[in-house]
Structures are given as structure tokens and as C-alpha cells.
Protein backbone atom coordinates (compact mmCIF):
# COMPACT_ATOMS: atom_id res chain seq x y z
CA MET A 1 39.49 -20.01 -0.11
CA ARG A 2 41.02 -16.58 0.44
CA THR A 3 39.16 -14.34 2.89
CA ASP A 4 38.55 -11.55 0.37
CA THR A 5 37.27 -14.08 -2.21
CA LYS A 6 34.95 -15.69 0.33
CA ASN A 7 33.62 -12.29 1.40
CA SER A 8 32.95 -11.40 -2.23
CA TYR A 9 31.06 -14.67 -2.72
CA LEU A 10 29.06 -14.20 0.49
CA GLU A 11 28.04 -10.73 -0.67
CA SER A 12 27.00 -12.14 -4.07
CA ILE A 13 25.00 -14.99 -2.51
CA ASN A 14 23.25 -12.58 -0.10
CA LYS A 15 22.12 -10.53 -3.11
CA ALA A 16 20.98 -13.66 -4.94
CA ILE A 17 19.02 -15.02 -1.97
CA SER A 18 17.37 -11.65 -1.37
CA PHE A 19 16.38 -11.51 -5.05
CA ILE A 20 14.93 -15.04 -4.98
CA GLU A 21 12.98 -14.38 -1.77
CA SER A 22 11.55 -11.13 -3.16
CA ASN A 23 10.58 -12.71 -6.49
CA SER A 24 9.69 -16.29 -5.54
CA THR A 25 6.22 -16.02 -7.06
CA THR A 26 7.46 -14.86 -10.47
CA ASP A 27 9.07 -16.79 -13.32
CA ILE A 28 12.72 -16.13 -12.47
CA GLN A 29 15.49 -18.07 -14.22
CA LEU A 30 19.04 -18.96 -13.22
CA LYS A 31 20.40 -16.24 -15.53
CA ASP A 32 18.29 -13.59 -13.75
CA ILE A 33 19.60 -14.68 -10.33
CA ALA A 34 23.22 -14.90 -11.53
CA THR A 35 22.94 -11.37 -12.92
CA GLN A 36 21.91 -10.10 -9.48
CA ALA A 37 24.96 -11.84 -8.01
CA ASN A 38 27.28 -10.36 -10.70
CA LEU A 39 28.57 -13.83 -11.60
CA SER A 40 28.39 -16.02 -14.69
CA GLN A 41 25.63 -18.65 -14.63
CA PHE A 42 28.06 -21.57 -14.38
CA HIS A 43 30.21 -19.95 -11.70
CA PHE A 44 27.19 -18.73 -9.73
CA HIS A 45 25.51 -22.16 -9.75
CA ARG A 46 28.67 -23.75 -8.30
CA VAL A 47 29.20 -21.05 -5.65
CA PHE A 48 25.53 -21.05 -4.59
CA LYS A 49 25.50 -24.84 -4.13
CA SER A 50 28.81 -24.73 -2.26
CA LEU A 51 27.72 -22.03 0.21
CA THR A 52 24.05 -22.99 0.71
CA GLY A 53 23.99 -26.74 0.05
CA ASP A 54 21.11 -26.17 -2.39
CA THR A 55 20.63 -25.55 -6.07
CA THR A 56 18.66 -22.39 -6.83
CA LYS A 57 15.87 -24.59 -8.21
CA ASP A 58 15.60 -26.59 -4.97
CA PHE A 59 15.72 -23.40 -2.90
CA LEU A 60 13.01 -21.70 -4.95
CA THR A 61 10.79 -24.81 -4.97
CA ARG A 62 11.00 -25.12 -1.19
CA LEU A 63 10.07 -21.45 -0.68
CA ARG A 64 7.05 -21.76 -2.96
CA LEU A 65 5.71 -25.01 -1.53
CA GLU A 66 6.18 -24.08 2.12
CA LYS A 67 4.47 -20.77 1.44
CA ALA A 68 1.61 -22.72 -0.13
CA ALA A 69 1.37 -24.98 2.93
CA LEU A 70 0.98 -21.91 5.19
CA LYS A 71 -1.73 -20.53 2.92
CA LEU A 72 -3.57 -23.87 2.96
CA LYS A 73 -3.60 -23.70 6.77
CA HIS A 74 -4.28 -20.01 7.34
CA SER A 75 -6.46 -18.95 4.41
CA GLN A 76 -9.68 -20.11 2.80
CA ASN A 77 -8.46 -19.35 -0.72
CA ASP A 78 -9.13 -22.04 -3.28
CA ILE A 79 -6.23 -24.26 -4.23
CA GLY A 80 -5.93 -22.88 -7.77
CA GLN A 81 -5.54 -19.35 -6.38
CA ILE A 82 -2.93 -20.52 -3.84
CA ALA A 83 -0.99 -22.25 -6.63
CA PHE A 84 -0.99 -19.03 -8.67
CA ASP A 85 -0.06 -16.88 -5.63
CA CYS A 86 2.93 -19.15 -4.99
CA GLY A 87 4.30 -18.97 -8.52
CA TYR A 88 2.61 -21.91 -10.25
CA GLN A 89 0.73 -21.18 -13.45
CA ASN A 90 -0.63 -24.71 -13.71
CA HIS A 91 -2.82 -26.41 -11.08
CA GLU A 92 -1.62 -29.91 -12.02
CA THR A 93 2.06 -28.96 -11.82
CA PHE A 94 1.47 -27.45 -8.38
CA THR A 95 -0.45 -30.50 -7.12
CA ARG A 96 2.27 -32.87 -8.30
CA ALA A 97 5.08 -30.78 -6.79
CA PHE A 98 3.20 -30.35 -3.51
CA LYS A 99 2.54 -34.09 -3.17
CA ASP A 100 6.18 -34.89 -3.95
CA TYR A 101 7.30 -32.51 -1.20
CA PHE A 102 4.72 -33.08 1.56
CA GLY A 103 3.49 -36.58 0.74
CA LEU A 104 -0.14 -35.45 0.34
CA PRO A 105 -1.98 -33.54 -2.40
CA PRO A 106 -3.00 -29.99 -1.37
CA LEU A 107 -6.64 -30.75 -0.48
CA GLU A 108 -5.73 -33.71 1.71
CA TYR A 109 -2.99 -31.65 3.33
CA ARG A 110 -5.46 -28.83 4.06
CA ASN A 111 -7.91 -31.26 5.70
CA SER A 112 -5.12 -32.95 7.66
CA ILE A 113 -3.60 -29.70 8.97
CA ALA A 114 -7.08 -28.40 9.93
CA GLU A 115 -7.69 -31.53 12.00
CA LEU A 116 -4.25 -31.28 13.61
CA THR A 117 -4.85 -27.61 14.47
CA THR A 118 -8.23 -28.38 16.04
CA ASN A 119 -6.65 -31.15 18.11
CA LYS A 120 -3.94 -28.76 19.32
CA GLN A 121 -6.54 -26.14 20.25
CA ASN A 122 -8.53 -28.73 22.23
CA GLU A 123 -5.37 -29.95 23.99
CA TYR A 124 -4.40 -26.40 24.98
CA GLU A 125 -7.90 -25.80 26.36
CA LYS A 126 -7.91 -29.10 28.25
CA THR A 127 -4.54 -28.40 29.90
CA ASN A 128 -5.42 -24.75 30.68
CA ILE A 129 -2.52 -23.39 28.66
CA ASP A 130 -3.11 -19.86 27.40
CA LEU A 131 -1.09 -16.69 26.76
CA ASN A 132 -0.96 -15.89 30.46
CA ALA A 133 0.41 -19.33 31.30
CA LEU A 134 3.10 -18.82 28.64
CA ASN A 135 4.10 -15.39 30.11
CA VAL A 136 2.76 -13.59 27.04
CA GLN A 137 0.77 -10.36 26.84
CA GLY A 138 -1.19 -9.15 23.83
CA PRO A 139 -1.89 -9.07 21.06
CA ILE A 140 -1.61 -5.37 20.35
CA ILE A 141 -2.07 -4.25 16.73
CA LYS A 142 0.78 -2.02 15.53
CA THR A 143 1.62 -0.44 12.20
CA ILE A 144 5.34 0.06 11.70
CA PRO A 145 7.30 1.94 8.99
CA ASP A 146 9.80 0.35 6.60
CA LEU A 147 13.00 -0.66 8.40
CA HIS A 148 16.64 -0.29 7.33
CA LEU A 149 18.62 -3.26 8.61
CA ALA A 150 22.14 -4.64 8.56
CA TYR A 151 21.98 -8.41 8.86
CA ILE A 152 23.77 -11.74 8.87
CA ARG A 153 21.88 -14.68 7.41
CA HIS A 154 21.88 -17.77 9.64
CA THR A 155 20.79 -21.09 8.17
CA GLY A 156 20.18 -24.05 10.45
CA SER A 157 19.13 -24.59 14.07
CA TYR A 158 17.67 -21.61 15.92
CA ASP A 159 19.78 -22.67 18.90
CA LYS A 160 22.90 -21.37 17.14
CA VAL A 161 21.79 -17.88 16.07
CA GLY A 162 23.68 -16.35 19.01
CA GLY A 163 26.95 -16.61 17.08
CA SER A 164 25.51 -14.56 14.22
CA PHE A 165 24.39 -11.83 16.63
CA GLN A 166 27.85 -11.76 18.24
CA LYS A 167 29.50 -11.24 14.84
CA LEU A 168 26.90 -8.60 13.95
CA MET A 169 27.43 -6.71 17.22
CA PHE A 170 31.20 -6.72 16.69
CA TRP A 171 30.64 -5.28 13.20
CA ALA A 172 28.20 -2.66 14.57
CA ALA A 173 30.66 -1.59 17.26
CA THR A 174 33.39 -1.00 14.69
CA HIS A 175 31.33 0.41 11.79
CA LEU A 176 28.39 2.34 13.28
CA VAL A 177 28.27 5.44 15.43
CA LEU A 178 26.51 3.98 18.46
CA LYS A 179 25.30 6.42 21.09
CA LEU A 180 22.91 3.93 22.66
CA LYS A 181 22.62 0.15 22.81
CA PRO A 182 21.73 -0.91 19.24
CA VAL A 183 18.23 -2.16 18.48
CA THR A 184 18.42 -5.84 17.51
CA ILE A 185 15.75 -7.68 15.53
CA GLY A 186 15.39 -11.21 14.20
CA ILE A 187 13.63 -12.00 10.92
CA VAL A 188 11.97 -15.41 11.12
CA HIS A 189 11.50 -16.77 7.61
CA ASP A 190 10.50 -20.37 8.27
CA ASN A 191 8.19 -22.50 10.38
CA PRO A 192 10.15 -25.38 11.97
CA ASP A 193 7.04 -27.58 11.63
CA LEU A 194 7.37 -27.23 7.84
CA THR A 195 11.07 -26.63 7.22
CA ALA A 196 13.83 -29.15 7.91
CA GLU A 197 16.23 -27.80 10.54
CA GLN A 198 19.20 -27.54 8.14
CA HIS A 199 17.15 -25.25 5.86
CA ILE A 200 15.68 -22.86 8.47
CA ARG A 201 16.45 -19.24 7.53
CA PHE A 202 16.90 -16.53 10.15
CA ASP A 203 18.34 -13.02 9.80
CA ALA A 204 20.15 -11.55 12.79
CA CYS A 205 19.64 -7.79 12.33
CA VAL A 206 20.57 -4.44 13.78
CA LEU A 207 18.41 -1.40 13.06
CA LEU A 208 19.98 1.36 10.93
CA SER A 209 18.98 4.97 10.32
CA LYS A 210 19.72 4.73 6.58
CA GLU A 211 20.94 2.45 3.80
CA ILE A 212 24.49 1.08 3.95
CA LYS A 213 26.69 -0.69 1.40
CA PRO A 214 26.77 -4.48 1.94
CA SER A 215 30.17 -5.95 2.75
CA GLY A 216 30.93 -9.68 2.77
CA GLU A 217 28.75 -11.50 5.26
CA ILE A 218 27.07 -8.27 6.39
CA GLY A 219 24.07 -7.62 4.18
CA TYR A 220 21.69 -4.69 3.94
CA LYS A 221 17.94 -4.86 3.45
CA LYS A 222 14.98 -2.56 3.71
CA ILE A 223 11.98 -4.54 4.84
CA GLU A 224 8.42 -3.47 4.29
CA GLY A 225 6.55 -2.16 7.30
CA GLY A 226 2.82 -2.61 7.75
CA LYS A 227 0.38 -4.10 10.22
CA PHE A 228 1.47 -6.61 12.85
CA ALA A 229 -0.13 -8.39 15.80
CA VAL A 230 2.43 -7.93 18.59
CA PHE A 231 2.79 -10.42 21.44
CA THR A 232 5.15 -9.59 24.33
CA TYR A 233 6.90 -12.56 25.93
CA LYS A 234 8.90 -12.49 29.17
CA GLY A 235 11.31 -15.36 29.64
CA ALA A 236 14.17 -17.38 28.22
CA TYR A 237 14.68 -17.89 24.51
CA GLU A 238 14.13 -21.63 25.05
CA GLY A 239 10.44 -20.81 25.53
CA PHE A 240 10.01 -19.36 22.02
CA TYR A 241 8.69 -22.52 20.33
CA PRO A 242 5.68 -23.02 22.65
CA VAL A 243 4.82 -19.33 22.27
CA TYR A 244 4.94 -19.52 18.46
CA ASP A 245 2.97 -22.76 18.49
CA TYR A 246 0.20 -21.19 20.55
CA ILE A 247 0.12 -17.98 18.49
CA TYR A 248 -0.08 -19.78 15.12
CA ASN A 249 -2.45 -22.55 16.19
CA VAL A 250 -4.75 -20.68 18.58
CA CYS A 251 -4.43 -16.88 18.55
CA LEU A 252 -4.53 -16.36 14.79
CA PHE A 253 -7.75 -18.38 14.60
CA GLU A 254 -9.38 -16.96 17.76
CA ASN A 255 -8.76 -13.39 16.60
CA LYS A 256 -9.58 -14.22 12.97
CA PHE A 257 -6.29 -12.62 11.87
CA ASP A 258 -5.51 -12.91 8.16
CA LEU A 259 -1.81 -13.79 7.94
CA ALA A 260 0.15 -11.50 5.61
CA ASP A 261 2.68 -12.88 3.16
CA LYS A 262 5.89 -11.73 4.85
CA PRO A 263 8.11 -13.01 7.67
CA ALA A 264 7.56 -12.57 11.40
CA LEU A 265 9.91 -10.38 13.42
CA GLU A 266 11.44 -10.81 16.86
CA TRP A 267 12.19 -7.48 18.55
CA TYR A 268 14.56 -7.94 21.48
CA ILE A 269 13.49 -5.45 24.16
CA LYS A 270 15.56 -6.86 27.04
CA SER A 271 18.32 -9.16 25.85
CA PRO A 272 21.57 -10.83 26.99
CA PRO A 273 24.01 -10.16 28.49
CA PHE A 274 22.25 -7.36 30.36
CA TYR A 275 19.40 -9.48 31.74
CA LYS A 276 18.99 -12.95 33.20
CA PRO A 277 17.14 -15.50 31.00
CA GLU A 278 13.94 -15.31 33.06
CA ASN A 279 13.87 -11.50 32.70
CA LEU A 280 14.38 -11.30 28.94
CA VAL A 281 11.60 -9.51 27.05
CA THR A 282 10.87 -10.16 23.37
CA ASP A 283 8.12 -8.77 21.16
CA PHE A 284 6.85 -11.18 18.51
CA TYR A 285 5.61 -9.27 15.46
CA VAL A 286 3.23 -11.48 13.45
CA PRO A 287 2.36 -9.94 10.04
CA ILE A 288 -1.36 -9.56 9.36
CA LYS A 289 -3.47 -7.94 6.65
């Protein structure tokens, strides 16, 4: 595939994915998504599958059901309301789809995940693991404004996001007027306990002062600000998973935080190559209502 053709397709798919993610709870059709990508339905379907490994239907279904699983764990809303909030008009359709995906109907899943969470909390208490032991301070409640971001979408293992940041930094150095070290942010869309590794979505981002025109792999998005519980972690990136696990299984429940329906952010305060792994500092922004 020619480079200019591939860049055009990447730009189209970025637009399509952004549209799906922003409208996952509404009744969007293939024609609506293809229109956003400026491609015919047939051509778009083929390009989307080729570049993402998914059909739009599979992608949309996964977003809806994994969102529902989070709500079953972190909210007390009744199952009918969760189904509706995740884009299902019919309780039976939702229950069938959820069981096909997770192997349990929603109520059994909710009971199972509650028991698992309680067991984790007890294990953390028994082994004296807390935020301090994990080199984490917080949480501090912050309200942030909307953010303008240039980004590269990474799909797959978190271990390989460094390559996306390298490409993004090369782009920033050649396209932005940089007086200071650019502010880098990660958008964490998925929970690795729910999402298969090959489907994990992560946006490597650099903060902008204003909107830019997307170009090929480099996308633009304005993300909604709002209220976040901020946890500051000092240490290597390899320590992220235990920190997230503790935050989502202990801190959110201890503090009675109501999880908001948007992705978490990683704000890289001290990052490579300027600091050694043990001296890296990252703020975890967990969205709350």
C-alpha cells in the first residue's frame, strides 16, 4: 500500500473510531460511521477490518459490553438502566449479548465481581499493601478544563506504547513550536482485566494550545475535562498495573467515588529519558462524578 494511501486510510479510521467511541450508546449504523470516514460503506468496512482486525459491529459490541461490566462493578444501578445506558433498548437482548461475551448473565457477573473485589480487598489488608507501600500519594480531587490533544492510537500490549510516543515526539518536534518540553498524556480506554490484550486501546498524546488538522496517523481530539481523583505514583512504568488494581478495587470503594463514564488519564510529570525508572513520576487521573 502506498504511503499516502495508507495515511489517508489511517486518518479515516481515526475519525471513524472517534465517532464510534463518542456515540457507542446510540443507534449508529455502518452508513453513519462510513460517512464520518468519508468512504463508501463497502470500502470502509474492508479498510476498517484490515487496519483494526475487527468489524465495526464487533468493535461497538465490545465497547458496550465492557462498559456495562464496569458499571455492574462500580455502580448500584439496576441492570435494565445499565443496559439502556450502554446502548441496549431491550433487557433480554442485553442479557443474551452479555452472557455470550462474559460467560455469565449480568446479575451473576455482578455478584461474582463483588465477591472477587472483596477477596482482593481482604488480601491487600492481610499483606499490608496500601498506597504508601505502592509509592502512591493521594487522592487529590482536581477539576480540569477540556484538553486539546494530538495523538497516536496504540492497540495491543501496554508494554509497546513507547514506540507510539517516540513517533509522536518526532512529529511534535517537526510540526509544533516547542519552547519547553512538551506535556505528554496517555488516555487509558480499557481495563486489562476485561479486555483481551490485542484489543486494548491507548492514546499516546501531546498537549496542544489549540485545534490542529489531523494528518495520517496523527489524530486530533478535544477531550472533556471535569472532576478527577488524582493519584501520584513514583516509580517505573512496570509498576502501573498494581497501582491501577489497588485504585479500582480498594480506593474507589473506600472513598465511595462514583466512577464517571470516560477514560482515565496518565499525566507524565517526570518521564524518560530524563529520569531513571525509579524516579519517574506519573499522575493517574481517575474520572469521577
